[in-house]
Amino acid sequence: NATGDTYYDGTLEGSPLPTWVTGRFDRGLHFVRFNDNGVNLGPLTSETTNFTMEMNFKWDYAYISELGYLFIIEEAVFARANLVEHGLSPATYSISYSVRRHDGVWVQIDTPADNLLNDQWHHLAFTREWDGTNVNFKVYVDRAQKASGSYGVGFWDPHGNAYIGSAGSLNSIGGVIDEVRFSKVVRTSFQNDWGHQKGDINQDCYVDFRDVAQMAEDWLK
């Protein structure tokens, strides 16, 4: 995440490994569909109950019903995409988001089949919120809320590792992911807060003396 206050070290895993390609803002990671390639981000939920997982994603087109996993937090939550209608152009897909209850039962919500499976970038966001009584969880696609669910049994989260793509099984989504953000709060607004940091003139994801030099050079032109 090039715009947040904390950076998480991730480990590329699987065979073949995800590869660096052109992303939405700078460089993104390409995942091969139905392989075990993923990024291990470690136990992100170990210090928080509520969270928002965001990413920018561009699909690899595929004529299959189950498109693979977008992310997984072991034994706690996961999100995957499903092809609904491939006879249309562009095709449509739905996103399934599952949260595990305290008694071990998975509760799933699905977005309507009105999302486009095309060669464009899409912003995806997933939230989980515990208010002391109920667990609320939502899916946002391109900054609009598409699905929501709630239950009152508490949640199960052993603080396992979080993975983008596969968690070691042959079920990774196919496509490019850029700018992953994990927030320890439930976010509901996703406007104008993605991309490079203010002051990152040369867009290398760092604000440093090289940006000052670039600014001075541009000013002298």
C-alpha atoms as a PDB file:
ATOM      1  CA  ASN A   1       0.000   0.000   0.000  1.00  0.00           C
ATOM      2  CA  ALA A   2       1.644   3.218  -1.176  1.00  0.00           C
ATOM      3  CA  THR A   3      -0.720   5.569   0.640  1.00  0.00           C
ATOM      4  CA  GLY A   4      -1.022   4.180   4.164  1.00  0.00           C
ATOM      5  CA  ASP A   5       0.977   4.779   7.334  1.00  0.00           C
ATOM      6  CA  THR A   6       2.155   1.184   7.822  1.00  0.00           C
ATOM      7  CA  TYR A   7       3.726  -1.165   5.316  1.00  0.00           C
ATOM      8  CA  TYR A   8       3.346  -4.937   5.633  1.00  0.00           C
ATOM      9  CA  ASP A   9       6.033  -7.277   4.411  1.00  0.00           C
ATOM     10  CA  GLY A  10       4.577 -10.013   2.256  1.00  0.00           C
ATOM     11  CA  THR A  11       6.107 -13.275   1.067  1.00  0.00           C
ATOM     12  CA  LEU A  12       5.475 -14.541  -2.460  1.00  0.00           C
ATOM     13  CA  GLU A  13       4.527 -18.203  -2.345  1.00  0.00           C
ATOM     14  CA  GLY A  14       3.475 -21.019  -4.678  1.00  0.00           C
ATOM     15  CA  SER A  15       4.500 -22.377  -8.050  1.00  0.00           C
ATOM     16  CA  PRO A  16       4.701 -20.460 -10.226  1.00  0.00           C
ATOM     17  CA  LEU A  17       5.236 -17.425  -8.009  1.00  0.00           C
ATOM     18  CA  PRO A  18       3.128 -14.318  -8.673  1.00  0.00           C
ATOM     19  CA  THR A  19       4.985 -12.077 -11.131  1.00  0.00           C
ATOM     20  CA  TRP A  20       5.427  -8.300 -11.212  1.00  0.00           C
ATOM     21  CA  VAL A  21       3.633  -6.616 -14.126  1.00  0.00           C
ATOM     22  CA  THR A  22       2.160  -3.214 -14.932  1.00  0.00           C
ATOM     23  CA  GLY A  23      -0.438  -2.351 -12.284  1.00  0.00           C
ATOM     24  CA  ARG A  24      -3.130   0.271 -11.889  1.00  0.00           C
ATOM     25  CA  PHE A  25      -0.860   2.829 -10.252  1.00  0.00           C
ATOM     26  CA  ASP A  26       2.650   1.440 -10.588  1.00  0.00           C
ATOM     27  CA  ARG A  27       3.532  -2.260 -10.393  1.00  0.00           C
ATOM     28  CA  GLY A  28       1.057  -5.031  -9.624  1.00  0.00           C
ATOM     29  CA  LEU A  29       1.247  -8.786  -9.069  1.00  0.00           C
ATOM     30  CA  HIS A  30      -0.148 -11.217 -11.614  1.00  0.00           C
ATOM     31  CA  PHE A  31      -1.692 -14.420 -10.259  1.00  0.00           C
ATOM     32  CA  VAL A  32      -2.170 -17.503 -12.429  1.00  0.00           C
ATOM     33  CA  ARG A  33      -5.682 -18.907 -12.124  1.00  0.00           C
ATOM     34  CA  PHE A  34      -6.076 -22.211 -10.244  1.00  0.00           C
ATOM     35  CA  ASN A  35      -2.456 -22.371  -9.139  1.00  0.00           C
ATOM     36  CA  ASP A  36      -1.180 -22.159  -5.574  1.00  0.00           C
ATOM     37  CA  ASN A  37       0.423 -18.752  -6.065  1.00  0.00           C
ATOM     38  CA  GLY A  38      -0.298 -16.167  -3.393  1.00  0.00           C
ATOM     39  CA  VAL A  39       1.137 -13.496  -1.111  1.00  0.00           C
ATOM     40  CA  ASN A  40       1.421 -14.339   2.591  1.00  0.00           C
ATOM     41  CA  LEU A  41       0.868 -11.150   4.611  1.00  0.00           C
ATOM     42  CA  GLY A  42       1.067 -12.763   8.047  1.00  0.00           C
ATOM     43  CA  PRO A  43      -1.506 -12.606  10.887  1.00  0.00           C
ATOM     44  CA  LEU A  44      -3.080  -9.227  10.105  1.00  0.00           C
ATOM     45  CA  THR A  45      -6.097  -9.711  12.394  1.00  0.00           C
ATOM     46  CA  SER A  46      -4.018 -10.532  15.474  1.00  0.00           C
ATOM     47  CA  GLU A  47      -4.323  -6.945  16.719  1.00  0.00           C
ATOM     48  CA  THR A  48      -7.815  -6.004  15.589  1.00  0.00           C
ATOM     49  CA  THR A  49     -11.399  -7.228  15.644  1.00  0.00           C
ATOM     50  CA  ASN A  50     -12.728  -4.921  12.940  1.00  0.00           C
ATOM     51  CA  PHE A  51     -11.054  -4.525   9.563  1.00  0.00           C
ATOM     52  CA  THR A  52     -11.296  -3.517   5.929  1.00  0.00           C
ATOM     53  CA  MET A  53      -9.428  -5.385   3.196  1.00  0.00           C
ATOM     54  CA  GLU A  54      -9.118  -3.461  -0.068  1.00  0.00           C
ATOM     55  CA  MET A  55      -7.460  -4.100  -3.401  1.00  0.00           C
ATOM     56  CA  ASN A  56      -7.511  -3.034  -7.020  1.00  0.00           C
ATOM     57  CA  PHE A  57      -8.024  -5.944  -9.378  1.00  0.00           C
ATOM     58  CA  LYS A  58      -8.108  -6.637 -13.113  1.00  0.00           C
ATOM     59  CA  TRP A  59      -9.429 -10.025 -14.194  1.00  0.00           C
ATOM     60  CA  ASP A  60      -7.957 -12.624 -16.508  1.00  0.00           C
ATOM     61  CA  TYR A  61     -10.965 -13.625 -18.600  1.00  0.00           C
ATOM     62  CA  ALA A  62     -12.008 -17.248 -18.045  1.00  0.00           C
ATOM     63  CA  TYR A  63     -14.991 -19.383 -19.137  1.00  0.00           C
ATOM     64  CA  ILE A  64     -15.346 -21.236 -15.851  1.00  0.00           C
ATOM     65  CA  SER A  65     -17.893 -20.986 -13.071  1.00  0.00           C
ATOM     66  CA  GLU A  66     -15.509 -20.590 -10.128  1.00  0.00           C
ATOM     67  CA  LEU A  67     -12.884 -17.953 -10.844  1.00  0.00           C
ATOM     68  CA  GLY A  68     -10.812 -18.522  -7.704  1.00  0.00           C
ATOM     69  CA  TYR A  69      -9.960 -16.869  -4.396  1.00  0.00           C
ATOM     70  CA  LEU A  70      -9.234 -13.155  -4.033  1.00  0.00           C
ATOM     71  CA  PHE A  71      -8.019 -13.379  -0.433  1.00  0.00           C
ATOM     72  CA  ILE A  72      -8.148 -15.684   2.568  1.00  0.00           C
ATOM     73  CA  ILE A  73      -7.598 -15.139   6.283  1.00  0.00           C
ATOM     74  CA  GLU A  74      -7.083 -18.654   7.562  1.00  0.00           C
ATOM     75  CA  GLU A  75     -10.104 -20.155   9.350  1.00  0.00           C
ATOM     76  CA  ALA A  76     -11.761 -16.725   9.587  1.00  0.00           C
ATOM     77  CA  VAL A  77     -12.841 -15.138   6.268  1.00  0.00           C
ATOM     78  CA  PHE A  78     -12.412 -15.569   2.520  1.00  0.00           C
ATOM     79  CA  ALA A  79     -13.610 -13.988  -0.718  1.00  0.00           C
ATOM     80  CA  ARG A  80     -13.868 -15.565  -4.152  1.00  0.00           C
ATOM     81  CA  ALA A  81     -15.412 -14.726  -7.520  1.00  0.00           C
ATOM     82  CA  ASN A  82     -17.908 -16.710  -9.580  1.00  0.00           C
ATOM     83  CA  LEU A  83     -18.745 -16.377 -13.271  1.00  0.00           C
ATOM     84  CA  VAL A  84     -22.495 -15.936 -13.723  1.00  0.00           C
ATOM     85  CA  GLU A  85     -23.081 -15.279 -17.416  1.00  0.00           C
ATOM     86  CA  HIS A  86     -20.364 -15.580 -20.045  1.00  0.00           C
ATOM     87  CA  GLY A  87     -22.703 -15.289 -23.030  1.00  0.00           C
ATOM     88  CA  LEU A  88     -22.892 -11.544 -22.541  1.00  0.00           C
ATOM     89  CA  SER A  89     -20.221  -9.076 -23.547  1.00  0.00           C
ATOM     90  CA  PRO A  90     -18.758  -8.211 -21.158  1.00  0.00           C
ATOM     91  CA  ALA A  91     -19.568 -11.188 -18.940  1.00  0.00           C
ATOM     92  CA  THR A  92     -20.951 -10.789 -15.423  1.00  0.00           C
ATOM     93  CA  TYR A  93     -19.647 -12.171 -12.147  1.00  0.00           C
ATOM     94  CA  SER A  94     -20.602 -12.236  -8.489  1.00  0.00           C
ATOM     95  CA  ILE A  95     -18.356 -12.142  -5.427  1.00  0.00           C
ATOM     96  CA  SER A  96     -18.892 -14.492  -2.494  1.00  0.00           C
ATOM     97  CA  TYR A  97     -17.661 -13.301   0.910  1.00  0.00           C
ATOM     98  CA  SER A  98     -17.746 -15.728   3.851  1.00  0.00           C
ATOM     99  CA  VAL A  99     -17.197 -15.004   7.551  1.00  0.00           C
ATOM    100  CA  ARG A 100     -16.926 -17.765  10.149  1.00  0.00           C
ATOM    101  CA  ARG A 101     -19.178 -17.745  13.192  1.00  0.00           C
ATOM    102  CA  HIS A 102     -17.952 -18.593  16.680  1.00  0.00           C
ATOM    103  CA  ASP A 103     -19.593 -22.019  16.403  1.00  0.00           C
ATOM    104  CA  GLY A 104     -17.610 -22.804  13.242  1.00  0.00           C
ATOM    105  CA  VAL A 105     -20.427 -22.249  10.727  1.00  0.00           C
ATOM    106  CA  TRP A 106     -19.562 -20.172   7.656  1.00  0.00           C
ATOM    107  CA  VAL A 107     -21.991 -17.375   6.714  1.00  0.00           C
ATOM    108  CA  GLN A 108     -21.840 -16.267   3.076  1.00  0.00           C
ATOM    109  CA  ILE A 109     -23.087 -13.202   1.238  1.00  0.00           C
ATOM    110  CA  ASP A 110     -23.051 -12.718  -2.537  1.00  0.00           C
ATOM    111  CA  THR A 111     -23.030  -9.608  -4.670  1.00  0.00           C
ATOM    112  CA  PRO A 112     -25.622  -9.374  -7.466  1.00  0.00           C
ATOM    113  CA  ALA A 113     -24.545 -10.526 -10.902  1.00  0.00           C
ATOM    114  CA  ASP A 114     -24.259  -6.973 -12.165  1.00  0.00           C
ATOM    115  CA  ASN A 115     -20.489  -6.632 -12.007  1.00  0.00           C
ATOM    116  CA  LEU A 116     -18.529  -6.590 -15.232  1.00  0.00           C
ATOM    117  CA  LEU A 117     -15.867  -9.154 -16.031  1.00  0.00           C
ATOM    118  CA  ASN A 118     -13.871  -7.013 -18.417  1.00  0.00           C
ATOM    119  CA  ASP A 119     -10.371  -5.799 -19.124  1.00  0.00           C
ATOM    120  CA  GLN A 120     -10.710  -2.891 -16.683  1.00  0.00           C
ATOM    121  CA  TRP A 121      -9.506  -2.189 -13.156  1.00  0.00           C
ATOM    122  CA  HIS A 122     -12.008  -2.567 -10.315  1.00  0.00           C
ATOM    123  CA  HIS A 123     -11.733  -1.530  -6.678  1.00  0.00           C
ATOM    124  CA  LEU A 124     -12.877  -4.194  -4.190  1.00  0.00           C
ATOM    125  CA  ALA A 125     -13.359  -3.815  -0.430  1.00  0.00           C
ATOM    126  CA  PHE A 126     -14.441  -6.262   2.292  1.00  0.00           C
ATOM    127  CA  THR A 127     -15.275  -5.360   5.904  1.00  0.00           C
ATOM    128  CA  ARG A 128     -15.917  -7.169   9.176  1.00  0.00           C
ATOM    129  CA  GLU A 129     -17.266  -5.382  12.258  1.00  0.00           C
ATOM    130  CA  TRP A 130     -18.068  -6.707  15.741  1.00  0.00           C
ATOM    131  CA  ASP A 131     -20.169  -4.264  17.802  1.00  0.00           C
ATOM    132  CA  GLY A 132     -20.249  -6.412  20.933  1.00  0.00           C
ATOM    133  CA  THR A 133     -23.512  -8.083  19.932  1.00  0.00           C
ATOM    134  CA  ASN A 134     -23.564  -8.630  16.173  1.00  0.00           C
ATOM    135  CA  VAL A 135     -21.035  -9.321  13.461  1.00  0.00           C
ATOM    136  CA  ASN A 136     -21.635  -7.168  10.373  1.00  0.00           C
ATOM    137  CA  PHE A 137     -19.805  -7.678   7.086  1.00  0.00           C
ATOM    138  CA  LYS A 138     -20.034  -6.016   3.679  1.00  0.00           C
ATOM    139  CA  VAL A 139     -18.673  -6.079   0.124  1.00  0.00           C
ATOM    140  CA  TYR A 140     -17.998  -2.961  -1.945  1.00  0.00           C
ATOM    141  CA  VAL A 141     -17.315  -2.983  -5.687  1.00  0.00           C
ATOM    142  CA  ASP A 142     -16.015   0.201  -7.287  1.00  0.00           C
ATOM    143  CA  ARG A 143     -16.813   2.083  -4.045  1.00  0.00           C
ATOM    144  CA  ALA A 144     -20.492   1.068  -4.014  1.00  0.00           C
ATOM    145  CA  GLN A 145     -21.892  -1.326  -1.379  1.00  0.00           C
ATOM    146  CA  LYS A 146     -23.030  -4.500  -3.153  1.00  0.00           C
ATOM    147  CA  ALA A 147     -23.795  -6.975  -0.358  1.00  0.00           C
ATOM    148  CA  SER A 148     -24.115  -7.080   3.432  1.00  0.00           C
ATOM    149  CA  GLY A 149     -24.765  -9.637   6.153  1.00  0.00           C
ATOM    150  CA  SER A 150     -25.121  -9.842   9.920  1.00  0.00           C
ATOM    151  CA  TYR A 151     -25.406 -12.451  12.682  1.00  0.00           C
ATOM    152  CA  GLY A 152     -25.261 -12.487  16.473  1.00  0.00           C
ATOM    153  CA  VAL A 153     -23.232 -15.540  17.463  1.00  0.00           C
ATOM    154  CA  GLY A 154     -19.793 -13.913  17.573  1.00  0.00           C
ATOM    155  CA  PHE A 155     -16.982 -14.722  15.170  1.00  0.00           C
ATOM    156  CA  TRP A 156     -14.198 -17.279  14.933  1.00  0.00           C
ATOM    157  CA  ASP A 157     -10.729 -15.933  14.223  1.00  0.00           C
ATOM    158  CA  PRO A 158      -7.614 -17.821  15.390  1.00  0.00           C
ATOM    159  CA  HIS A 159      -5.436 -15.046  13.899  1.00  0.00           C
ATOM    160  CA  GLY A 160      -4.108 -17.124  11.039  1.00  0.00           C
ATOM    161  CA  ASN A 161      -2.141 -15.739   8.132  1.00  0.00           C
ATOM    162  CA  ALA A 162      -3.780 -13.535   5.528  1.00  0.00           C
ATOM    163  CA  TYR A 163      -3.184 -14.427   1.882  1.00  0.00           C
ATOM    164  CA  ILE A 164      -3.841 -12.572  -1.326  1.00  0.00           C
ATOM    165  CA  GLY A 165      -4.763 -15.214  -3.900  1.00  0.00           C
ATOM    166  CA  SER A 166      -4.166 -18.774  -2.789  1.00  0.00           C
ATOM    167  CA  ALA A 167      -3.353 -20.003   0.711  1.00  0.00           C
ATOM    168  CA  GLY A 168      -1.492 -23.010  -0.652  1.00  0.00           C
ATOM    169  CA  SER A 169      -4.211 -24.818  -2.604  1.00  0.00           C
ATOM    170  CA  LEU A 170      -4.766 -24.800  -6.379  1.00  0.00           C
ATOM    171  CA  ASN A 171      -7.482 -22.171  -6.190  1.00  0.00           C
ATOM    172  CA  SER A 172      -5.932 -18.760  -6.846  1.00  0.00           C
ATOM    173  CA  ILE A 173      -7.837 -16.108  -8.749  1.00  0.00           C
ATOM    174  CA  GLY A 174      -6.449 -15.199 -12.173  1.00  0.00           C
ATOM    175  CA  GLY A 175      -5.523 -11.579 -12.748  1.00  0.00           C
ATOM    176  CA  VAL A 176      -3.474  -8.617 -11.524  1.00  0.00           C
ATOM    177  CA  ILE A 177      -3.752  -7.133  -8.024  1.00  0.00           C
ATOM    178  CA  ASP A 178      -2.403  -3.689  -7.158  1.00  0.00           C
ATOM    179  CA  GLU A 179      -2.491  -1.504  -4.019  1.00  0.00           C
ATOM    180  CA  VAL A 180      -3.653  -3.831  -1.258  1.00  0.00           C
ATOM    181  CA  ARG A 181      -4.727  -2.016   1.901  1.00  0.00           C
ATOM    182  CA  PHE A 182      -5.588  -3.592   5.246  1.00  0.00           C
ATOM    183  CA  SER A 183      -7.176  -1.160   7.732  1.00  0.00           C
ATOM    184  CA  LYS A 184      -7.817  -1.884  11.412  1.00  0.00           C
ATOM    185  CA  VAL A 185     -11.124  -0.034  11.134  1.00  0.00           C
ATOM    186  CA  VAL A 186     -14.288  -0.503   9.102  1.00  0.00           C
ATOM    187  CA  ARG A 187     -14.160   1.942   6.221  1.00  0.00           C
ATOM    188  CA  THR A 188     -17.232   3.053   4.272  1.00  0.00           C
ATOM    189  CA  SER A 189     -15.752   5.747   2.036  1.00  0.00           C
ATOM    190  CA  PHE A 190     -13.198   4.933  -0.641  1.00  0.00           C
ATOM    191  CA  GLN A 191     -13.019   8.176  -2.597  1.00  0.00           C
ATOM    192  CA  ASN A 192      -9.782   9.767  -3.816  1.00  0.00           C
ATOM    193  CA  ASP A 193      -7.437   8.008  -1.389  1.00  0.00           C
ATOM    194  CA  TRP A 194      -5.651   5.583  -3.702  1.00  0.00           C
ATOM    195  CA  GLY A 195      -2.494   5.933  -5.681  1.00  0.00           C
ATOM    196  CA  HIS A 196       0.739   7.663  -4.860  1.00  0.00           C
ATOM    197  CA  GLN A 197       1.309   9.714  -1.739  1.00  0.00           C
ATOM    198  CA  LYS A 198       1.125  13.480  -1.926  1.00  0.00           C
ATOM    199  CA  GLY A 199       4.635  14.665  -2.725  1.00  0.00           C
ATOM    200  CA  ASP A 200       5.641  11.465  -4.518  1.00  0.00           C
ATOM    201  CA  ILE A 201       6.576  13.443  -7.636  1.00  0.00           C
ATOM    202  CA  ASN A 202       8.464  10.657  -9.395  1.00  0.00           C
ATOM    203  CA  GLN A 203       5.867   8.049  -8.350  1.00  0.00           C
ATOM    204  CA  ASP A 204       8.328   5.528  -6.922  1.00  0.00           C
ATOM    205  CA  CYS A 205       6.136   5.017  -3.807  1.00  0.00           C
ATOM    206  CA  TYR A 206       8.539   6.996  -1.585  1.00  0.00           C
ATOM    207  CA  VAL A 207       8.648  10.676  -0.654  1.00  0.00           C
ATOM    208  CA  ASP A 208      12.328  11.641  -0.439  1.00  0.00           C
ATOM    209  CA  PHE A 209      15.018  13.995  -1.801  1.00  0.00           C
ATOM    210  CA  ARG A 210      14.595  12.555  -5.276  1.00  0.00           C
ATOM    211  CA  ASP A 211      11.096  14.021  -5.362  1.00  0.00           C
ATOM    212  CA  VAL A 212      12.452  17.427  -4.323  1.00  0.00           C
ATOM    213  CA  ALA A 213      15.023  17.214  -7.134  1.00  0.00           C
ATOM    214  CA  GLN A 214      12.331  16.233  -9.636  1.00  0.00           C
ATOM    215  CA  MET A 215      10.126  19.124  -8.497  1.00  0.00           C
ATOM    216  CA  ALA A 216      13.017  21.581  -8.862  1.00  0.00           C
ATOM    217  CA  GLU A 217      13.831  20.227 -12.312  1.00  0.00           C
ATOM    218  CA  ASP A 218      10.213  20.549 -13.431  1.00  0.00           C
ATOM    219  CA  TRP A 219      10.011  24.078 -12.022  1.00  0.00           C
ATOM    220  CA  LEU A 220      13.093  25.184 -13.989  1.00  0.00           C
ATOM    221  CA  LYS A 221      11.682  23.963 -17.296  1.00  0.00           C
END
